[in-house]
C-alpha atoms as a PDB file:
ATOM      1  CA  UNK A   1     -13.056  12.586  26.600  1.00  0.00           C
ATOM      2  CA  UNK A   2     -11.472  13.248  23.200  1.00  0.00           C
ATOM      3  CA  UNK A   3      -7.876  13.414  24.401  1.00  0.00           C
ATOM      4  CA  UNK A   4      -7.850  11.248  27.555  1.00  0.00           C
ATOM      5  CA  UNK A   5     -10.409   8.500  26.890  1.00  0.00           C
ATOM      6  CA  UNK A   6     -10.820   8.173  23.121  1.00  0.00           C
ATOM      7  CA  UNK A   7      -7.163   7.172  22.470  1.00  0.00           C
ATOM      8  CA  UNK A   8      -7.547   4.103  24.681  1.00  0.00           C
ATOM      9  CA  UNK A   9     -10.886   3.209  23.096  1.00  0.00           C
ATOM     10  CA  UNK A  10      -9.147   3.371  19.707  1.00  0.00           C
ATOM     11  CA  UNK A  11      -6.334   1.123  20.966  1.00  0.00           C
ATOM     12  CA  UNK A  12      -8.882  -1.423  22.188  1.00  0.00           C
ATOM     13  CA  UNK A  13     -10.591  -1.413  18.790  1.00  0.00           C
ATOM     14  CA  UNK A  14      -7.280  -1.566  16.916  1.00  0.00           C
ATOM     15  CA  UNK A  15      -5.782  -4.446  18.918  1.00  0.00           C
ATOM     16  CA  UNK A  16      -8.998  -6.304  19.684  1.00  0.00           C
ATOM     17  CA  UNK A  17     -10.336  -5.874  16.162  1.00  0.00           C
ATOM     18  CA  UNK A  18      -7.094  -7.131  14.638  1.00  0.00           C
ATOM     19  CA  UNK A  19      -7.082 -10.230  16.851  1.00  0.00           C
ATOM     20  CA  UNK A  20     -10.745 -10.883  16.040  1.00  0.00           C
ATOM     21  CA  UNK A  21     -10.129 -10.434  12.315  1.00  0.00           C
ATOM     22  CA  UNK A  22      -7.197 -12.865  12.381  1.00  0.00           C
ATOM     23  CA  UNK A  23      -9.115 -15.512  14.296  1.00  0.00           C
ATOM     24  CA  UNK A  24     -12.500 -15.316  12.579  1.00  0.00           C
ATOM     25  CA  UNK A  25     -11.918 -13.738   9.162  1.00  0.00           C
ATOM     26  CA  UNK A  26      -8.502 -14.973   8.086  1.00  0.00           C
ATOM     27  CA  UNK A  27      -9.678 -15.584   4.517  1.00  0.00           C
ATOM     28  CA  UNK A  28     -10.825 -11.964   4.385  1.00  0.00           C
ATOM     29  CA  UNK A  29      -7.394 -10.714   5.474  1.00  0.00           C
ATOM     30  CA  UNK A  30      -6.549  -9.435   2.017  1.00  0.00           C
ATOM     31  CA  UNK A  31      -6.591  -6.368  -0.209  1.00  0.00           C
ATOM     32  CA  UNK A  32      -8.899  -8.173  -2.641  1.00  0.00           C
ATOM     33  CA  UNK A  33      -6.523  -7.384  -5.479  1.00  0.00           C
ATOM     34  CA  UNK A  34      -8.097  -6.080  -8.683  1.00  0.00           C
ATOM     35  CA  UNK A  35      -4.943  -6.199 -10.795  1.00  0.00           C
ATOM     36  CA  UNK A  36      -6.587  -8.750 -13.053  1.00  0.00           C
ATOM     37  CA  UNK A  37      -9.109  -6.127 -14.197  1.00  0.00           C
ATOM     38  CA  UNK A  38      -6.703  -3.223 -14.735  1.00  0.00           C
ATOM     39  CA  UNK A  39      -2.956  -2.921 -14.284  1.00  0.00           C
ATOM     40  CA  UNK A  40      -1.765   0.146 -16.237  1.00  0.00           C
ATOM     41  CA  UNK A  41      -2.825   2.733 -13.632  1.00  0.00           C
ATOM     42  CA  UNK A  42      -2.159   0.336 -10.787  1.00  0.00           C
ATOM     43  CA  UNK A  43       1.526   0.060 -11.721  1.00  0.00           C
ATOM     44  CA  UNK A  44       1.858   3.806 -11.134  1.00  0.00           C
ATOM     45  CA  UNK A  45      -0.632   4.470  -8.344  1.00  0.00           C
ATOM     46  CA  UNK A  46       0.193   1.585  -6.019  1.00  0.00           C
ATOM     47  CA  UNK A  47       3.961   2.216  -5.643  1.00  0.00           C
ATOM     48  CA  UNK A  48       3.341   5.958  -5.364  1.00  0.00           C
ATOM     49  CA  UNK A  49       0.860   5.436  -2.542  1.00  0.00           C
ATOM     50  CA  UNK A  50       2.790   2.735  -0.669  1.00  0.00           C
ATOM     51  CA  UNK A  51       6.207   4.410  -0.768  1.00  0.00           C
ATOM     52  CA  UNK A  52       4.592   7.721   0.132  1.00  0.00           C
ATOM     53  CA  UNK A  53       2.729   6.278   3.112  1.00  0.00           C
ATOM     54  CA  UNK A  54       5.936   4.667   4.395  1.00  0.00           C
ATOM     55  CA  UNK A  55       7.585   8.097   4.421  1.00  0.00           C
ATOM     56  CA  UNK A  56       4.516   9.573   6.113  1.00  0.00           C
ATOM     57  CA  UNK A  57       4.696   6.927   8.857  1.00  0.00           C
ATOM     58  CA  UNK A  58       8.427   7.529   9.325  1.00  0.00           C
ATOM     59  CA  UNK A  59       7.837  11.272   9.562  1.00  0.00           C
ATOM     60  CA  UNK A  60       5.113  10.813  12.164  1.00  0.00           C
ATOM     61  CA  UNK A  61       7.349   8.498  14.192  1.00  0.00           C
ATOM     62  CA  UNK A  62      10.140  11.075  14.278  1.00  0.00           C
ATOM     63  CA  UNK A  63       7.872  14.024  14.956  1.00  0.00           C
ATOM     64  CA  UNK A  64       5.781  12.382  17.671  1.00  0.00           C
ATOM     65  CA  UNK A  65       8.288  10.184  19.470  1.00  0.00           C
ATOM     66  CA  UNK A  66      11.474  12.300  19.515  1.00  0.00           C
ATOM     67  CA  UNK A  67      11.313  15.178  22.039  1.00  0.00           C
ATOM     68  CA  UNK A  68      12.521  18.627  21.060  1.00  0.00           C
ATOM     69  CA  UNK A  69      15.362  18.583  23.598  1.00  0.00           C
ATOM     70  CA  UNK A  70      16.817  15.500  21.860  1.00  0.00           C
ATOM     71  CA  UNK A  71      17.177  17.296  18.546  1.00  0.00           C
ATOM     72  CA  UNK A  72      18.531  20.350  20.381  1.00  0.00           C
ATOM     73  CA  UNK A  73      21.178  18.116  21.978  1.00  0.00           C
ATOM     74  CA  UNK A  74      22.171  16.911  18.512  1.00  0.00           C
ATOM     75  CA  UNK A  75      22.706  20.493  17.398  1.00  0.00           C
ATOM     76  CA  UNK A  76      19.640  20.603  15.131  1.00  0.00           C
ATOM     77  CA  UNK A  77      18.039  23.999  15.377  1.00  0.00           C
ATOM     78  CA  UNK A  78      14.296  24.536  15.364  1.00  0.00           C
ATOM     79  CA  UNK A  79      14.500  26.166  11.919  1.00  0.00           C
ATOM     80  CA  UNK A  80      16.503  23.267  10.453  1.00  0.00           C
ATOM     81  CA  UNK A  81      14.074  20.750  11.901  1.00  0.00           C
ATOM     82  CA  UNK A  82      11.012  22.476  10.466  1.00  0.00           C
ATOM     83  CA  UNK A  83      12.592  23.048   7.044  1.00  0.00           C
ATOM     84  CA  UNK A  84      13.387  19.337   6.848  1.00  0.00           C
ATOM     85  CA  UNK A  85       9.922  18.409   8.105  1.00  0.00           C
ATOM     86  CA  UNK A  86       8.283  20.682   5.536  1.00  0.00           C
ATOM     87  CA  UNK A  87      10.397  19.368   2.662  1.00  0.00           C
ATOM     88  CA  UNK A  88      10.102  15.650   3.369  1.00  0.00           C
ATOM     89  CA  UNK A  89       6.559  15.894   4.707  1.00  0.00           C
ATOM     90  CA  UNK A  90       5.317  17.770   1.667  1.00  0.00           C
ATOM     91  CA  UNK A  91       6.920  15.298  -0.753  1.00  0.00           C
ATOM     92  CA  UNK A  92       5.595  12.282   1.155  1.00  0.00           C
ATOM     93  CA  UNK A  93       2.136  13.789   1.575  1.00  0.00           C
ATOM     94  CA  UNK A  94       1.760  14.827  -2.055  1.00  0.00           C
ATOM     95  CA  UNK A  95       2.990  11.430  -3.289  1.00  0.00           C
ATOM     96  CA  UNK A  96       0.602   9.576  -0.979  1.00  0.00           C
ATOM     97  CA  UNK A  97      -2.349  11.804  -1.824  1.00  0.00           C
ATOM     98  CA  UNK A  98      -1.566  11.587  -5.547  1.00  0.00           C
ATOM     99  CA  UNK A  99      -1.314   7.810  -5.328  1.00  0.00           C
ATOM    100  CA  UNK A 100      -4.616   7.394  -3.507  1.00  0.00           C
ATOM    101  CA  UNK A 101      -6.281   9.850  -5.937  1.00  0.00           C
ATOM    102  CA  UNK A 102      -5.175   7.664  -8.857  1.00  0.00           C
ATOM    103  CA  UNK A 103      -6.373   4.546  -7.039  1.00  0.00           C
ATOM    104  CA  UNK A 104      -9.793   6.110  -6.472  1.00  0.00           C
ATOM    105  CA  UNK A 105      -9.964   7.308 -10.096  1.00  0.00           C
ATOM    106  CA  UNK A 106      -9.082   3.823 -11.294  1.00  0.00           C
ATOM    107  CA  UNK A 107     -11.658   2.259  -8.989  1.00  0.00           C
ATOM    108  CA  UNK A 108     -14.383   4.649 -10.156  1.00  0.00           C
ATOM    109  CA  UNK A 109     -13.687   4.476 -13.903  1.00  0.00           C
ATOM    110  CA  UNK A 110     -12.935   0.751 -14.275  1.00  0.00           C
ATOM    111  CA  UNK A 111     -16.237  -1.111 -14.344  1.00  0.00           C
ATOM    112  CA  UNK A 112     -15.261  -4.444 -12.773  1.00  0.00           C
ATOM    113  CA  UNK A 113     -13.161  -2.719 -10.104  1.00  0.00           C
ATOM    114  CA  UNK A 114     -16.006  -0.362  -9.218  1.00  0.00           C
ATOM    115  CA  UNK A 115     -18.439  -3.272  -9.055  1.00  0.00           C
ATOM    116  CA  UNK A 116     -16.185  -4.952  -6.489  1.00  0.00           C
ATOM    117  CA  UNK A 117     -16.074  -1.804  -4.328  1.00  0.00           C
ATOM    118  CA  UNK A 118     -18.011  -2.184  -1.077  1.00  0.00           C
ATOM    119  CA  UNK A 119     -19.505   0.429   1.243  1.00  0.00           C
ATOM    120  CA  UNK A 120     -16.693  -0.450   3.633  1.00  0.00           C
ATOM    121  CA  UNK A 121     -14.150   0.518   0.940  1.00  0.00           C
ATOM    122  CA  UNK A 122     -15.880   3.829   0.261  1.00  0.00           C
ATOM    123  CA  UNK A 123     -15.920   4.785   3.948  1.00  0.00           C
ATOM    124  CA  UNK A 124     -12.269   3.806   4.263  1.00  0.00           C
ATOM    125  CA  UNK A 125     -11.254   5.946   1.278  1.00  0.00           C
ATOM    126  CA  UNK A 126     -13.150   8.975   2.612  1.00  0.00           C
ATOM    127  CA  UNK A 127     -11.480   8.773   6.033  1.00  0.00           C
ATOM    128  CA  UNK A 128      -8.059   8.040   4.523  1.00  0.00           C
ATOM    129  CA  UNK A 129      -8.185  11.003   2.136  1.00  0.00           C
ATOM    130  CA  UNK A 130      -9.457  13.272   4.923  1.00  0.00           C
ATOM    131  CA  UNK A 131      -6.512  12.211   7.109  1.00  0.00           C
ATOM    132  CA  UNK A 132      -4.024  12.890   4.292  1.00  0.00           C
ATOM    133  CA  UNK A 133      -5.469  16.317   3.474  1.00  0.00           C
ATOM    134  CA  UNK A 134      -5.537  17.307   7.147  1.00  0.00           C
ATOM    135  CA  UNK A 135      -1.989  16.010   7.545  1.00  0.00           C
ATOM    136  CA  UNK A 136      -0.689  18.118   4.663  1.00  0.00           C
ATOM    137  CA  UNK A 137      -2.378  21.174   6.164  1.00  0.00           C
ATOM    138  CA  UNK A 138      -0.825  20.567   9.577  1.00  0.00           C
ATOM    139  CA  UNK A 139       2.606  19.957   8.029  1.00  0.00           C
ATOM    140  CA  UNK A 140       2.445  23.363   6.370  1.00  0.00           C
ATOM    141  CA  UNK A 141       1.173  25.050   9.528  1.00  0.00           C
ATOM    142  CA  UNK A 142       3.792  23.465  11.774  1.00  0.00           C
ATOM    143  CA  UNK A 143       6.607  24.375   9.393  1.00  0.00           C
ATOM    144  CA  UNK A 144       5.440  27.997   9.154  1.00  0.00           C
ATOM    145  CA  UNK A 145       5.095  28.112  12.941  1.00  0.00           C
ATOM    146  CA  UNK A 146       8.581  26.704  13.458  1.00  0.00           C
ATOM    147  CA  UNK A 147      10.169  29.153  11.047  1.00  0.00           C
ATOM    148  CA  UNK A 148       8.297  32.027  12.635  1.00  0.00           C
ATOM    149  CA  UNK A 149       8.750  30.795  16.217  1.00  0.00           C
ATOM    150  CA  UNK A 150       4.994  30.444  16.597  1.00  0.00           C
ATOM    151  CA  UNK A 151       4.743  27.978  19.447  1.00  0.00           C
ATOM    152  CA  UNK A 152       0.960  28.209  19.509  1.00  0.00           C
ATOM    153  CA  UNK A 153       0.708  25.741  16.607  1.00  0.00           C
ATOM    154  CA  UNK A 154       4.005  23.877  17.066  1.00  0.00           C
ATOM    155  CA  UNK A 155       2.973  20.234  17.369  1.00  0.00           C
ATOM    156  CA  UNK A 156       6.229  19.362  19.165  1.00  0.00           C
ATOM    157  CA  UNK A 157       5.008  21.334  22.181  1.00  0.00           C
ATOM    158  CA  UNK A 158       1.427  20.092  22.079  1.00  0.00           C
ATOM    159  CA  UNK A 159       0.515  17.034  19.993  1.00  0.00           C
ATOM    160  CA  UNK A 160       3.829  15.231  20.528  1.00  0.00           C
ATOM    161  CA  UNK A 161       3.680  15.735  24.290  1.00  0.00           C
ATOM    162  CA  UNK A 162       0.112  14.406  24.355  1.00  0.00           C
ATOM    163  CA  UNK A 163       0.939  11.423  22.145  1.00  0.00           C
ATOM    164  CA  UNK A 164       3.887  10.313  24.290  1.00  0.00           C
ATOM    165  CA  UNK A 165       1.851  10.726  27.463  1.00  0.00           C
ATOM    166  CA  UNK A 166      -0.713   8.212  26.200  1.00  0.00           C
ATOM    167  CA  UNK A 167       1.844   5.396  26.332  1.00  0.00           C
ATOM    168  CA  UNK A 168       2.813   6.223  29.911  1.00  0.00           C
ATOM    169  CA  UNK A 169      -0.885   5.896  30.884  1.00  0.00           C
ATOM    170  CA  UNK A 170      -0.923   9.536  31.997  1.00  0.00           C
ATOM    171  CA  UNK A 171      -2.634  11.312  29.072  1.00  0.00           C
ATOM    172  CA  UNK A 172      -1.831  15.020  29.010  1.00  0.00           C
ATOM    173  CA  UNK A 173      -5.146  16.280  27.689  1.00  0.00           C
ATOM    174  CA  UNK A 174      -4.143  19.876  28.436  1.00  0.00           C
ATOM    175  CA  UNK A 175      -1.241  19.684  25.980  1.00  0.00           C
ATOM    176  CA  UNK A 176      -3.535  18.553  23.192  1.00  0.00           C
ATOM    177  CA  UNK A 177      -6.161  21.103  24.166  1.00  0.00           C
ATOM    178  CA  UNK A 178      -3.532  23.810  23.587  1.00  0.00           C
ATOM    179  CA  UNK A 179      -2.985  22.684  19.972  1.00  0.00           C
ATOM    180  CA  UNK A 180      -4.488  24.593  17.081  1.00  0.00           C
ATOM    181  CA  UNK A 181      -7.813  23.433  15.575  1.00  0.00           C
ATOM    182  CA  UNK A 182      -6.073  21.992  12.503  1.00  0.00           C
ATOM    183  CA  UNK A 183      -4.034  19.591  14.641  1.00  0.00           C
ATOM    184  CA  UNK A 184      -7.085  18.597  16.666  1.00  0.00           C
ATOM    185  CA  UNK A 185      -8.999  17.794  13.483  1.00  0.00           C
ATOM    186  CA  UNK A 186      -6.067  15.776  12.134  1.00  0.00           C
ATOM    187  CA  UNK A 187      -5.770  13.843  15.413  1.00  0.00           C
ATOM    188  CA  UNK A 188      -9.507  13.052  15.511  1.00  0.00           C
ATOM    189  CA  UNK A 189      -9.531  11.871  11.882  1.00  0.00           C
ATOM    190  CA  UNK A 190      -6.387   9.835  12.543  1.00  0.00           C
ATOM    191  CA  UNK A 191      -7.986   8.105  15.527  1.00  0.00           C
ATOM    192  CA  UNK A 192     -11.063   7.374  13.426  1.00  0.00           C
ATOM    193  CA  UNK A 193      -8.864   5.790  10.761  1.00  0.00           C
ATOM    194  CA  UNK A 194      -7.090   3.579  13.306  1.00  0.00           C
ATOM    195  CA  UNK A 195     -10.430   2.540  14.815  1.00  0.00           C
ATOM    196  CA  UNK A 196     -11.633   1.427  11.359  1.00  0.00           C
ATOM    197  CA  UNK A 197      -8.272  -0.127  10.445  1.00  0.00           C
ATOM    198  CA  UNK A 198      -8.882  -3.767  11.492  1.00  0.00           C
ATOM    199  CA  UNK A 199     -12.259  -3.898   9.770  1.00  0.00           C
ATOM    200  CA  UNK A 200     -11.123  -2.721   6.324  1.00  0.00           C
ATOM    201  CA  UNK A 201      -8.711  -3.871   3.633  1.00  0.00           C
ATOM    202  CA  UNK A 202      -6.054  -1.718   5.323  1.00  0.00           C
ATOM    203  CA  UNK A 203      -5.486  -4.587   7.765  1.00  0.00           C
ATOM    204  CA  UNK A 204      -3.157  -6.164   5.197  1.00  0.00           C
ATOM    205  CA  UNK A 205      -0.545  -3.617   6.341  1.00  0.00           C
ATOM    206  CA  UNK A 206       0.063  -5.870   9.340  1.00  0.00           C
ATOM    207  CA  UNK A 207       1.119  -8.715   7.049  1.00  0.00           C
ATOM    208  CA  UNK A 208       4.678  -9.199   5.870  1.00  0.00           C
ATOM    209  CA  UNK A 209       5.912 -12.151   3.751  1.00  0.00           C
ATOM    210  CA  UNK A 210       8.830 -12.828   6.100  1.00  0.00           C
ATOM    211  CA  UNK A 211       8.616 -16.619   5.746  1.00  0.00           C
ATOM    212  CA  UNK A 212       8.908 -16.279   1.985  1.00  0.00           C
ATOM    213  CA  UNK A 213      12.648 -15.843   2.507  1.00  0.00           C
ATOM    214  CA  UNK A 214      12.934 -19.237   4.207  1.00  0.00           C
ATOM    215  CA  UNK A 215      10.562 -21.405   2.191  1.00  0.00           C
ATOM    216  CA  UNK A 216      11.886 -24.284   0.038  1.00  0.00           C
ATOM    217  CA  UNK A 217      12.598 -23.509  -3.581  1.00  0.00           C
ATOM    218  CA  UNK A 218       9.831 -24.327  -6.020  1.00  0.00           C
ATOM    219  CA  UNK A 219      11.004 -27.087  -8.369  1.00  0.00           C
ATOM    220  CA  UNK A 220       9.741 -26.847 -11.945  1.00  0.00           C
ATOM    221  CA  UNK A 221      10.023 -29.854 -14.257  1.00  0.00           C
ATOM    222  CA  UNK A 222       9.385 -29.883 -17.968  1.00  0.00           C
ATOM    223  CA  UNK A 223       6.722 -32.092 -19.542  1.00  0.00           C
ATOM    224  CA  UNK A 224       8.990 -32.778 -22.511  1.00  0.00           C
ATOM    225  CA  UNK A 225      10.956 -36.001 -22.690  1.00  0.00           C
ATOM    226  CA  UNK A 226      14.484 -35.468 -21.537  1.00  0.00           C
ATOM    227  CA  UNK A 227      17.052 -36.454 -18.966  1.00  0.00           C
ATOM    228  CA  UNK A 228      15.662 -37.851 -15.744  1.00  0.00           C
ATOM    229  CA  UNK A 229      15.321 -35.085 -13.135  1.00  0.00           C
ATOM    230  CA  UNK A 230      17.703 -35.226 -10.236  1.00  0.00           C
ATOM    231  CA  UNK A 231      16.482 -37.257  -7.297  1.00  0.00           C
ATOM    232  CA  UNK A 232      18.035 -34.785  -4.913  1.00  0.00           C
ATOM    233  CA  UNK A 233      15.512 -33.225  -2.558  1.00  0.00           C
ATOM    234  CA  UNK A 234      14.547 -29.557  -2.842  1.00  0.00           C
ATOM    235  CA  UNK A 235      17.026 -27.115  -1.378  1.00  0.00           C
ATOM    236  CA  UNK A 236      15.912 -24.959   1.490  1.00  0.00           C
ATOM    237  CA  UNK A 237      15.715 -21.189   1.201  1.00  0.00           C
ATOM    238  CA  UNK A 238      17.793 -18.757   3.205  1.00  0.00           C
END
């Protein structure tokens, strides 16, 4: 149930919930920015968290989607792969966890920001931090296993195989069952986070200001008396 059925239930919630949120709660599709109340900590915490999470996502994409025989064909040894994964994964994980810790500290110690914090936000933060902590633990375990040739906790032989099998509609539950408890915990927390994703402020991650590049320029005119503004129409963007 956990490894063959739950992933598809999570996908239904993730896709269906996102569509529902876009159709019926478009005005709520926002992070509910609190920069107006406090910006000093936010200027540090927000970039740290967002750049860190981008590296975390990239690391997961490489680790889960690229089979081991591909990296072998490129001449990348198992030791080199795990050293790189440990180095980049640790930096990304620590930056992301440090950023979210500062965001939580700011939210708890700044009165107006804390007053605007909902139960939904609190649940989201708990699950998010749990996923990050579990992820850092599995990064360390997988790196140690790779350097010591311990295949029993190598996620490339267990978790990655299971993850890729989900998308072929032939879930390999046995591969995931062979993973160590730390990876199972991380996978379960990760699925919980994705199931909650559309119903929290995290949904803003699916938004990108692409059309900003192509919008017309904003024309500003002074109120002071001066030369008559040009009658030429506004220039288009890129």
